[in-house]
All heavy atoms as atom14 arrays in JSON, in Angstrom:
{
  "sequence": "GSLRLSCTASGRTFSSYTMGWFRQAPGKDREFVAAINWNDFTYYA",
  "atom14_mask": [
    [1, 1, 1, 1, 0, 0, 0, 0, 0, 0, 0, 0, 0, 0],
    [1, 1, 1, 1, 1, 1, 0, 0, 0, 0, 0, 0, 0, 0],
    [1, 1, 1, 1, 1, 1, 1, 1, 0, 0, 0, 0, 0, 0],
    [1, 1, 1, 1, 1, 1, 1, 1, 1, 1, 1, 0, 0, 0],
    [1, 1, 1, 1, 1, 1, 1, 1, 0, 0, 0, 0, 0, 0],
    [1, 1, 1, 1, 1, 1, 0, 0, 0, 0, 0, 0, 0, 0],
    [1, 1, 1, 1, 1, 1, 0, 0, 0, 0, 0, 0, 0, 0],
    [1, 1, 1, 1, 1, 1, 1, 0, 0, 0, 0, 0, 0, 0],
    [1, 1, 1, 1, 1, 0, 0, 0, 0, 0, 0, 0, 0, 0],
    [1, 1, 1, 1, 1, 1, 0, 0, 0, 0, 0, 0, 0, 0],
    [1, 1, 1, 1, 0, 0, 0, 0, 0, 0, 0, 0, 0, 0],
    [1, 1, 1, 1, 1, 1, 1, 1, 1, 1, 1, 0, 0, 0],
    [1, 1, 1, 1, 1, 1, 1, 0, 0, 0, 0, 0, 0, 0],
    [1, 1, 1, 1, 1, 1, 1, 1, 1, 1, 1, 0, 0, 0],
    [1, 1, 1, 1, 1, 1, 0, 0, 0, 0, 0, 0, 0, 0],
    [1, 1, 1, 1, 1, 1, 0, 0, 0, 0, 0, 0, 0, 0],
    [1, 1, 1, 1, 1, 1, 1, 1, 1, 1, 1, 1, 0, 0],
    [1, 1, 1, 1, 1, 1, 1, 0, 0, 0, 0, 0, 0, 0],
    [1, 1, 1, 1, 1, 1, 1, 1, 0, 0, 0, 0, 0, 0],
    [1, 1, 1, 1, 0, 0, 0, 0, 0, 0, 0, 0, 0, 0],
    [1, 1, 1, 1, 1, 1, 1, 1, 1, 1, 1, 1, 1, 1],
    [1, 1, 1, 1, 1, 1, 1, 1, 1, 1, 1, 0, 0, 0],
    [1, 1, 1, 1, 1, 1, 1, 1, 1, 1, 1, 0, 0, 0],
    [1, 1, 1, 1, 1, 1, 1, 1, 1, 0, 0, 0, 0, 0],
    [1, 1, 1, 1, 1, 0, 0, 0, 0, 0, 0, 0, 0, 0],
    [1, 1, 1, 1, 1, 1, 1, 0, 0, 0, 0, 0, 0, 0],
    [1, 1, 1, 1, 0, 0, 0, 0, 0, 0, 0, 0, 0, 0],
    [1, 1, 1, 1, 1, 1, 1, 1, 1, 0, 0, 0, 0, 0],
    [1, 1, 1, 1, 1, 1, 1, 1, 0, 0, 0, 0, 0, 0],
    [1, 1, 1, 1, 1, 1, 1, 1, 1, 1, 1, 0, 0, 0],
    [1, 1, 1, 1, 1, 1, 1, 1, 1, 0, 0, 0, 0, 0],
    [1, 1, 1, 1, 1, 1, 1, 1, 1, 1, 1, 0, 0, 0],
    [1, 1, 1, 1, 1, 1, 1, 0, 0, 0, 0, 0, 0, 0],
    [1, 1, 1, 1, 1, 0, 0, 0, 0, 0, 0, 0, 0, 0],
    [1, 1, 1, 1, 1, 0, 0, 0, 0, 0, 0, 0, 0, 0],
    [1, 1, 1, 1, 1, 1, 1, 1, 0, 0, 0, 0, 0, 0],
    [1, 1, 1, 1, 1, 1, 1, 1, 0, 0, 0, 0, 0, 0],
    [1, 1, 1, 1, 1, 1, 1, 1, 1, 1, 1, 1, 1, 1],
    [1, 1, 1, 1, 1, 1, 1, 1, 0, 0, 0, 0, 0, 0],
    [1, 1, 1, 1, 1, 1, 1, 1, 0, 0, 0, 0, 0, 0],
    [1, 1, 1, 1, 1, 1, 1, 1, 1, 1, 1, 0, 0, 0],
    [1, 1, 1, 1, 1, 1, 1, 0, 0, 0, 0, 0, 0, 0],
    [1, 1, 1, 1, 1, 1, 1, 1, 1, 1, 1, 1, 0, 0],
    [1, 1, 1, 1, 1, 1, 1, 1, 1, 1, 1, 1, 0, 0],
    [1, 1, 1, 1, 1, 0, 0, 0, 0, 0, 0, 0, 0, 0]
  ],
  "atom14_positions": [
    [[0.8, -1.21, 0.0], [0.0, 0.0, 0.0], [0.84, 1.26, 0.0], [2.07, 1.22, -0.07], [0.0, 0.0, 0.0], [0.0, 0.0, 0.0], [0.0, 0.0, 0.0], [0.0, 0.0, 0.0], [0.0, 0.0, 0.0], [0.0, 0.0, 0.0], [0.0, 0.0, 0.0], [0.0, 0.0, 0.0], [0.0, 0.0, 0.0], [0.0, 0.0, 0.0]],
    [[0.15, 2.39, 0.1], [0.8, 3.69, 0.02], [0.36, 4.6, 1.16], [-0.76, 4.48, 1.68], [0.46, 4.38, -1.31], [0.93, 3.65, -2.42], [0.0, 0.0, 0.0], [0.0, 0.0, 0.0], [0.0, 0.0, 0.0], [0.0, 0.0, 0.0], [0.0, 0.0, 0.0], [0.0, 0.0, 0.0], [0.0, 0.0, 0.0], [0.0, 0.0, 0.0]],
    [[1.24, 5.5, 1.52], [0.94, 6.57, 2.45], [1.67, 7.83, 1.99], [2.74, 7.73, 1.39], [1.41, 6.25, 3.87], [0.61, 5.26, 4.7], [1.36, 4.96, 6.0], [-0.78, 5.81, 5.01], [0.0, 0.0, 0.0], [0.0, 0.0, 0.0], [0.0, 0.0, 0.0], [0.0, 0.0, 0.0], [0.0, 0.0, 0.0], [0.0, 0.0, 0.0]],
    [[1.1, 8.97, 2.3], [1.79, 10.22, 2.07], [1.92, 10.95, 3.4], [0.92, 11.32, 4.02], [1.06, 11.12, 1.08], [1.89, 12.35, 0.69], [1.2, 13.26, -0.3], [0.12, 14.01, 0.31], [-0.4, 15.12, -0.2], [0.06, 15.59, -1.36], [-1.4, 15.72, 0.4], [0.0, 0.0, 0.0], [0.0, 0.0, 0.0], [0.0, 0.0, 0.0]],
    [[3.15, 11.16, 3.82], [3.44, 11.9, 5.03], [3.6, 13.38, 4.7], [4.15, 13.73, 3.65], [4.7, 11.39, 5.71], [4.76, 9.89, 5.99], [6.06, 9.56, 6.73], [3.55, 9.43, 6.79], [0.0, 0.0, 0.0], [0.0, 0.0, 0.0], [0.0, 0.0, 0.0], [0.0, 0.0, 0.0], [0.0, 0.0, 0.0], [0.0, 0.0, 0.0]],
    [[3.16, 14.22, 5.6], [3.3, 15.66, 5.45], [4.05, 16.23, 6.63], [3.93, 15.74, 7.76], [1.93, 16.34, 5.34], [1.21, 15.88, 4.22], [0.0, 0.0, 0.0], [0.0, 0.0, 0.0], [0.0, 0.0, 0.0], [0.0, 0.0, 0.0], [0.0, 0.0, 0.0], [0.0, 0.0, 0.0], [0.0, 0.0, 0.0], [0.0, 0.0, 0.0]],
    [[4.81, 17.27, 6.37], [5.54, 17.98, 7.41], [5.36, 19.47, 7.17], [5.85, 20.0, 6.17], [7.02, 17.61, 7.38], [8.06, 18.56, 8.5], [0.0, 0.0, 0.0], [0.0, 0.0, 0.0], [0.0, 0.0, 0.0], [0.0, 0.0, 0.0], [0.0, 0.0, 0.0], [0.0, 0.0, 0.0], [0.0, 0.0, 0.0], [0.0, 0.0, 0.0]],
    [[4.66, 20.12, 8.06], [4.41, 21.54, 7.94], [5.32, 22.3, 8.89], [5.41, 21.97, 10.08], [2.94, 21.86, 8.24], [2.11, 21.2, 7.3], [2.69, 23.36, 8.15], [0.0, 0.0, 0.0], [0.0, 0.0, 0.0], [0.0, 0.0, 0.0], [0.0, 0.0, 0.0], [0.0, 0.0, 0.0], [0.0, 0.0, 0.0], [0.0, 0.0, 0.0]],
    [[6.0, 23.3, 8.36], [6.97, 24.08, 9.11], [6.46, 25.48, 9.38], [5.72, 26.06, 8.58], [8.29, 24.16, 8.35], [0.0, 0.0, 0.0], [0.0, 0.0, 0.0], [0.0, 0.0, 0.0], [0.0, 0.0, 0.0], [0.0, 0.0, 0.0], [0.0, 0.0, 0.0], [0.0, 0.0, 0.0], [0.0, 0.0, 0.0], [0.0, 0.0, 0.0]],
    [[6.87, 26.02, 10.5], [6.56, 27.4, 10.83], [7.72, 28.0, 11.61], [8.56, 27.28, 12.14], [5.28, 27.5, 11.65], [5.41, 26.84, 12.9], [0.0, 0.0, 0.0], [0.0, 0.0, 0.0], [0.0, 0.0, 0.0], [0.0, 0.0, 0.0], [0.0, 0.0, 0.0], [0.0, 0.0, 0.0], [0.0, 0.0, 0.0], [0.0, 0.0, 0.0]],
    [[7.76, 29.32, 11.66], [8.76, 30.02, 12.45], [9.82, 30.78, 11.66], [10.26, 31.83, 12.1], [0.0, 0.0, 0.0], [0.0, 0.0, 0.0], [0.0, 0.0, 0.0], [0.0, 0.0, 0.0], [0.0, 0.0, 0.0], [0.0, 0.0, 0.0], [0.0, 0.0, 0.0], [0.0, 0.0, 0.0], [0.0, 0.0, 0.0], [0.0, 0.0, 0.0]],
    [[10.22, 30.24, 10.53], [11.19, 30.88, 9.67], [10.88, 30.55, 8.22], [10.02, 29.71, 7.94], [12.62, 30.45, 10.01], [13.11, 30.98, 11.35], [14.54, 30.57, 11.63], [15.01, 31.13, 12.89], [16.17, 30.87, 13.45], [17.02, 30.03, 12.85], [16.5, 31.42, 14.61], [0.0, 0.0, 0.0], [0.0, 0.0, 0.0], [0.0, 0.0, 0.0]],
    [[11.6, 31.21, 7.34], [11.37, 31.0, 5.91], [11.66, 29.56, 5.54], [12.78, 29.08, 5.64], [12.25, 31.94, 5.09], [11.98, 33.29, 5.46], [11.97, 31.76, 3.6], [0.0, 0.0, 0.0], [0.0, 0.0, 0.0], [0.0, 0.0, 0.0], [0.0, 0.0, 0.0], [0.0, 0.0, 0.0], [0.0, 0.0, 0.0], [0.0, 0.0, 0.0]],
    [[10.62, 28.88, 5.09], [10.71, 27.46, 4.79], [11.64, 27.18, 3.63], [12.38, 26.19, 3.64], [9.31, 26.93, 4.51], [9.26, 25.49, 4.1], [9.34, 24.49, 5.05], [9.12, 25.14, 2.77], [9.28, 23.16, 4.68], [9.06, 23.82, 2.39], [9.14, 22.82, 3.35], [0.0, 0.0, 0.0], [0.0, 0.0, 0.0], [0.0, 0.0, 0.0]],
    [[11.6, 28.02, 2.63], [12.31, 27.74, 1.39], [13.82, 27.69, 1.54], [14.5, 27.12, 0.68], [11.93, 28.76, 0.31], [12.3, 30.06, 0.7], [0.0, 0.0, 0.0], [0.0, 0.0, 0.0], [0.0, 0.0, 0.0], [0.0, 0.0, 0.0], [0.0, 0.0, 0.0], [0.0, 0.0, 0.0], [0.0, 0.0, 0.0], [0.0, 0.0, 0.0]],
    [[14.36, 28.26, 2.59], [15.8, 28.28, 2.78], [16.33, 27.02, 3.47], [17.55, 26.86, 3.59], [16.21, 29.51, 3.59], [15.74, 29.43, 4.92], [0.0, 0.0, 0.0], [0.0, 0.0, 0.0], [0.0, 0.0, 0.0], [0.0, 0.0, 0.0], [0.0, 0.0, 0.0], [0.0, 0.0, 0.0], [0.0, 0.0, 0.0], [0.0, 0.0, 0.0]],
    [[15.47, 26.14, 3.89], [15.86, 24.97, 4.66], [15.89, 23.71, 3.82], [15.06, 23.52, 2.92], [14.91, 24.75, 5.84], [15.22, 25.62, 7.02], [14.83, 26.95, 7.04], [15.91, 25.1, 8.11], [15.13, 27.76, 8.12], [16.21, 25.9, 9.2], [15.81, 27.22, 9.2], [16.1, 28.02, 10.28], [0.0, 0.0, 0.0], [0.0, 0.0, 0.0]],
    [[16.84, 22.87, 4.13], [16.8, 21.5, 3.66], [15.89, 20.7, 4.59], [15.99, 20.81, 5.8], [18.21, 20.88, 3.64], [18.99, 21.57, 2.65], [18.16, 19.4, 3.3], [0.0, 0.0, 0.0], [0.0, 0.0, 0.0], [0.0, 0.0, 0.0], [0.0, 0.0, 0.0], [0.0, 0.0, 0.0], [0.0, 0.0, 0.0], [0.0, 0.0, 0.0]],
    [[15.01, 19.93, 3.99], [14.06, 19.12, 4.75], [14.4, 17.65, 4.6], [14.72, 17.19, 3.5], [12.63, 19.36, 4.26], [12.2, 20.81, 4.26], [12.18, 21.53, 5.93], [10.92, 20.51, 6.71], [0.0, 0.0, 0.0], [0.0, 0.0, 0.0], [0.0, 0.0, 0.0], [0.0, 0.0, 0.0], [0.0, 0.0, 0.0], [0.0, 0.0, 0.0]],
    [[14.32, 16.94, 5.69], [14.64, 15.52, 5.66], [13.61, 14.68, 6.38], [12.87, 15.17, 7.22], [0.0, 0.0, 0.0], [0.0, 0.0, 0.0], [0.0, 0.0, 0.0], [0.0, 0.0, 0.0], [0.0, 0.0, 0.0], [0.0, 0.0, 0.0], [0.0, 0.0, 0.0], [0.0, 0.0, 0.0], [0.0, 0.0, 0.0], [0.0, 0.0, 0.0]],
    [[13.57, 13.42, 5.99], [12.77, 12.42, 6.68], [13.69, 11.33, 7.21], [14.55, 10.83, 6.48], [11.72, 11.8, 5.76], [10.58, 12.71, 5.42], [10.45, 13.48, 4.32], [9.42, 12.92, 6.22], [9.26, 14.17, 4.36], [8.61, 13.84, 5.52], [8.97, 12.43, 7.45], [7.38, 14.29, 6.01], [7.75, 12.87, 7.93], [6.97, 13.78, 7.22]],
    [[13.48, 10.97, 8.46], [14.2, 9.89, 9.12], [13.18, 8.94, 9.72], [12.01, 9.29, 9.87], [15.12, 10.44, 10.22], [16.24, 11.31, 9.72], [16.0, 12.61, 9.29], [17.53, 10.83, 9.67], [17.02, 13.41, 8.84], [18.58, 11.62, 9.22], [18.32, 12.91, 8.79], [0.0, 0.0, 0.0], [0.0, 0.0, 0.0], [0.0, 0.0, 0.0]],
    [[13.63, 7.76, 10.07], [12.72, 6.82, 10.71], [13.45, 6.0, 11.76], [14.67, 5.84, 11.71], [12.06, 5.89, 9.69], [13.01, 4.87, 9.06], [12.3, 4.09, 7.97], [13.09, 2.97, 7.49], [12.75, 2.17, 6.5], [11.58, 2.37, 5.87], [13.53, 1.17, 6.13], [0.0, 0.0, 0.0], [0.0, 0.0, 0.0], [0.0, 0.0, 0.0]],
    [[12.68, 5.49, 12.71], [13.25, 4.67, 13.76], [12.27, 3.55, 14.11], [11.15, 3.82, 14.53], [13.57, 5.49, 15.0], [14.32, 4.72, 16.06], [14.89, 5.62, 17.14], [14.4, 6.73, 17.35], [15.91, 5.15, 17.81], [0.0, 0.0, 0.0], [0.0, 0.0, 0.0], [0.0, 0.0, 0.0], [0.0, 0.0, 0.0], [0.0, 0.0, 0.0]],
    [[12.71, 2.33, 13.92], [11.93, 1.16, 14.28], [12.3, 0.73, 15.7], [13.39, 1.04, 16.19], [12.19, 0.02, 13.3], [0.0, 0.0, 0.0], [0.0, 0.0, 0.0], [0.0, 0.0, 0.0], [0.0, 0.0, 0.0], [0.0, 0.0, 0.0], [0.0, 0.0, 0.0], [0.0, 0.0, 0.0], [0.0, 0.0, 0.0], [0.0, 0.0, 0.0]],
    [[11.42, 0.0, 16.37], [11.72, -0.45, 17.73], [13.03, -1.23, 17.79], [13.26, -2.14, 16.99], [10.53, -1.35, 18.07], [9.41, -0.81, 17.24], [10.07, -0.39, 15.95], [0.0, 0.0, 0.0], [0.0, 0.0, 0.0], [0.0, 0.0, 0.0], [0.0, 0.0, 0.0], [0.0, 0.0, 0.0], [0.0, 0.0, 0.0], [0.0, 0.0, 0.0]],
    [[13.87, -0.86, 18.73], [15.15, -1.53, 18.9], [16.21, -1.19, 17.87], [17.29, -1.79, 17.9], [0.0, 0.0, 0.0], [0.0, 0.0, 0.0], [0.0, 0.0, 0.0], [0.0, 0.0, 0.0], [0.0, 0.0, 0.0], [0.0, 0.0, 0.0], [0.0, 0.0, 0.0], [0.0, 0.0, 0.0], [0.0, 0.0, 0.0], [0.0, 0.0, 0.0]],
    [[15.91, -0.26, 16.99], [16.84, 0.12, 15.93], [17.28, 1.57, 16.09], [16.6, 2.37, 16.73], [16.2, -0.06, 14.56], [15.69, -1.46, 14.27], [16.82, -2.44, 14.07], [16.28, -3.79, 13.63], [17.39, -4.76, 13.39], [0.0, 0.0, 0.0], [0.0, 0.0, 0.0], [0.0, 0.0, 0.0], [0.0, 0.0, 0.0], [0.0, 0.0, 0.0]],
    [[18.41, 1.89, 15.48], [18.85, 3.27, 15.44], [18.03, 4.06, 14.44], [17.48, 3.51, 13.48], [20.33, 3.35, 15.04], [21.26, 2.79, 16.08], [20.89, 2.8, 17.27], [22.36, 2.34, 15.71], [0.0, 0.0, 0.0], [0.0, 0.0, 0.0], [0.0, 0.0, 0.0], [0.0, 0.0, 0.0], [0.0, 0.0, 0.0], [0.0, 0.0, 0.0]],
    [[17.96, 5.35, 14.66], [17.31, 6.21, 13.7], [18.11, 6.22, 12.39], [19.34, 6.3, 12.41], [17.18, 7.63, 14.25], [16.37, 8.56, 13.38], [16.12, 9.89, 14.07], [15.33, 9.72, 15.29], [14.9, 10.73, 16.04], [15.19, 11.97, 15.7], [14.2, 10.48, 17.13], [0.0, 0.0, 0.0], [0.0, 0.0, 0.0], [0.0, 0.0, 0.0]],
    [[17.42, 6.16, 11.28], [18.09, 6.11, 10.0], [17.5, 7.12, 9.02], [16.32, 7.47, 9.09], [18.04, 4.7, 9.39], [16.66, 4.2, 9.06], [16.67, 2.8, 8.46], [17.74, 2.33, 8.02], [15.6, 2.17, 8.43], [0.0, 0.0, 0.0], [0.0, 0.0, 0.0], [0.0, 0.0, 0.0], [0.0, 0.0, 0.0], [0.0, 0.0, 0.0]],
    [[18.34, 7.54, 8.12], [17.94, 8.49, 7.1], [17.06, 7.83, 6.06], [17.28, 6.69, 5.66], [19.2, 9.06, 6.43], [18.93, 9.91, 5.23], [18.48, 11.21, 5.37], [19.15, 9.41, 3.96], [18.24, 11.99, 4.26], [18.93, 10.19, 2.84], [18.46, 11.49, 3.0], [0.0, 0.0, 0.0], [0.0, 0.0, 0.0], [0.0, 0.0, 0.0]],
    [[16.05, 8.57, 5.6], [15.16, 8.09, 4.55], [15.32, 8.91, 3.28], [15.6, 8.36, 2.21], [13.69, 8.11, 5.01], [12.77, 7.65, 3.87], [13.49, 7.24, 6.24], [0.0, 0.0, 0.0], [0.0, 0.0, 0.0], [0.0, 0.0, 0.0], [0.0, 0.0, 0.0], [0.0, 0.0, 0.0], [0.0, 0.0, 0.0], [0.0, 0.0, 0.0]],
    [[15.13, 10.21, 3.38], [15.16, 11.07, 2.2], [15.33, 12.52, 2.63], [15.02, 12.88, 3.76], [13.89, 10.92, 1.37], [0.0, 0.0, 0.0], [0.0, 0.0, 0.0], [0.0, 0.0, 0.0], [0.0, 0.0, 0.0], [0.0, 0.0, 0.0], [0.0, 0.0, 0.0], [0.0, 0.0, 0.0], [0.0, 0.0, 0.0], [0.0, 0.0, 0.0]],
    [[15.79, 13.35, 1.71], [15.91, 14.78, 1.97], [15.73, 15.55, 0.68], [15.92, 15.01, -0.42], [17.27, 15.12, 2.59], [0.0, 0.0, 0.0], [0.0, 0.0, 0.0], [0.0, 0.0, 0.0], [0.0, 0.0, 0.0], [0.0, 0.0, 0.0], [0.0, 0.0, 0.0], [0.0, 0.0, 0.0], [0.0, 0.0, 0.0], [0.0, 0.0, 0.0]],
    [[15.36, 16.81, 0.82], [15.25, 17.71, -0.32], [15.8, 19.06, 0.11], [15.41, 19.6, 1.14], [13.8, 17.8, -0.83], [13.72, 18.7, -2.06], [12.84, 18.25, 0.26], [12.39, 18.56, -2.81], [0.0, 0.0, 0.0], [0.0, 0.0, 0.0], [0.0, 0.0, 0.0], [0.0, 0.0, 0.0], [0.0, 0.0, 0.0], [0.0, 0.0, 0.0]],
    [[16.73, 19.6, -0.67], [17.37, 20.83, -0.25], [16.66, 22.06, -0.82], [15.63, 21.96, -1.48], [18.87, 20.8, -0.58], [19.19, 21.05, -2.04], [18.32, 21.27, -2.88], [20.48, 21.02, -2.35], [0.0, 0.0, 0.0], [0.0, 0.0, 0.0], [0.0, 0.0, 0.0], [0.0, 0.0, 0.0], [0.0, 0.0, 0.0], [0.0, 0.0, 0.0]],
    [[17.25, 23.21, -0.54], [16.62, 24.49, -0.91], [16.45, 24.63, -2.42], [15.6, 25.41, -2.87], [17.46, 25.64, -0.37], [18.83, 25.72, -0.99], [19.95, 25.07, -0.59], [19.19, 26.49, -2.14], [21.01, 25.38, -1.43], [20.57, 26.25, -2.37], [18.51, 27.35, -2.98], [21.26, 26.85, -3.42], [19.19, 27.95, -4.03], [20.55, 27.69, -4.24]],
    [[17.26, 23.93, -3.18], [17.21, 24.0, -4.64], [16.49, 22.79, -5.24], [16.63, 22.52, -6.43], [18.63, 24.1, -5.2], [18.66, 24.68, -6.59], [17.85, 25.54, -6.94], [19.6, 24.21, -7.41], [0.0, 0.0, 0.0], [0.0, 0.0, 0.0], [0.0, 0.0, 0.0], [0.0, 0.0, 0.0], [0.0, 0.0, 0.0], [0.0, 0.0, 0.0]],
    [[15.75, 22.07, -4.42], [14.95, 20.92, -4.83], [15.78, 19.73, -5.28], [15.28, 18.85, -6.0], [13.96, 21.3, -5.93], [12.87, 22.22, -5.44], [12.6, 22.23, -4.23], [12.28, 22.94, -6.27], [0.0, 0.0, 0.0], [0.0, 0.0, 0.0], [0.0, 0.0, 0.0], [0.0, 0.0, 0.0], [0.0, 0.0, 0.0], [0.0, 0.0, 0.0]],
    [[17.03, 19.68, -4.86], [17.84, 18.49, -5.1], [17.48, 17.45, -4.05], [17.37, 17.77, -2.87], [19.33, 18.82, -5.01], [20.22, 17.74, -5.51], [20.58, 17.69, -6.85], [20.71, 16.76, -4.66], [21.41, 16.69, -7.32], [21.53, 15.76, -5.12], [21.88, 15.72, -6.46], [0.0, 0.0, 0.0], [0.0, 0.0, 0.0], [0.0, 0.0, 0.0]],
    [[17.29, 16.22, -4.47], [16.81, 15.18, -3.57], [17.87, 14.16, -3.25], [18.79, 13.91, -4.03], [15.58, 14.47, -4.14], [15.9, 13.94, -5.43], [14.41, 15.44, -4.28], [0.0, 0.0, 0.0], [0.0, 0.0, 0.0], [0.0, 0.0, 0.0], [0.0, 0.0, 0.0], [0.0, 0.0, 0.0], [0.0, 0.0, 0.0], [0.0, 0.0, 0.0]],
    [[17.71, 13.53, -2.1], [18.62, 12.51, -1.6], [17.78, 11.36, -1.06], [16.76, 11.59, -0.41], [19.49, 13.04, -0.46], [20.2, 14.35, -0.74], [19.51, 15.56, -0.71], [21.56, 14.37, -1.0], [20.16, 16.76, -0.96], [22.22, 15.57, -1.25], [21.52, 16.76, -1.22], [22.18, 17.95, -1.46], [0.0, 0.0, 0.0], [0.0, 0.0, 0.0]],
    [[18.21, 10.13, -1.3], [17.46, 8.97, -0.84], [18.38, 7.92, -0.25], [19.49, 7.71, -0.74], [16.66, 8.34, -1.98], [15.55, 9.21, -2.51], [15.73, 9.96, -3.66], [14.33, 9.28, -1.85], [14.71, 10.76, -4.15], [13.31, 10.08, -2.34], [13.5, 10.82, -3.48], [12.49, 11.61, -3.97], [0.0, 0.0, 0.0], [0.0, 0.0, 0.0]],
    [[17.89, 7.24, 0.77], [18.58, 6.08, 1.29], [18.49, 4.95, 0.27], [17.55, 4.88, -0.53], [17.95, 5.64, 2.61], [0.0, 0.0, 0.0], [0.0, 0.0, 0.0], [0.0, 0.0, 0.0], [0.0, 0.0, 0.0], [0.0, 0.0, 0.0], [0.0, 0.0, 0.0], [0.0, 0.0, 0.0], [0.0, 0.0, 0.0], [0.0, 0.0, 0.0]]
  ]
}
């Protein structure tokens, strides 16, 4: 199946920030999932 996660930011100019998604399963370390920088360049695990 599919899900779409959303992350809404406030407090400062959103466009200047790199945004990332991380995840942590029980008993596991937190790990990187994906990121998108200010210029819309993307990164994926």
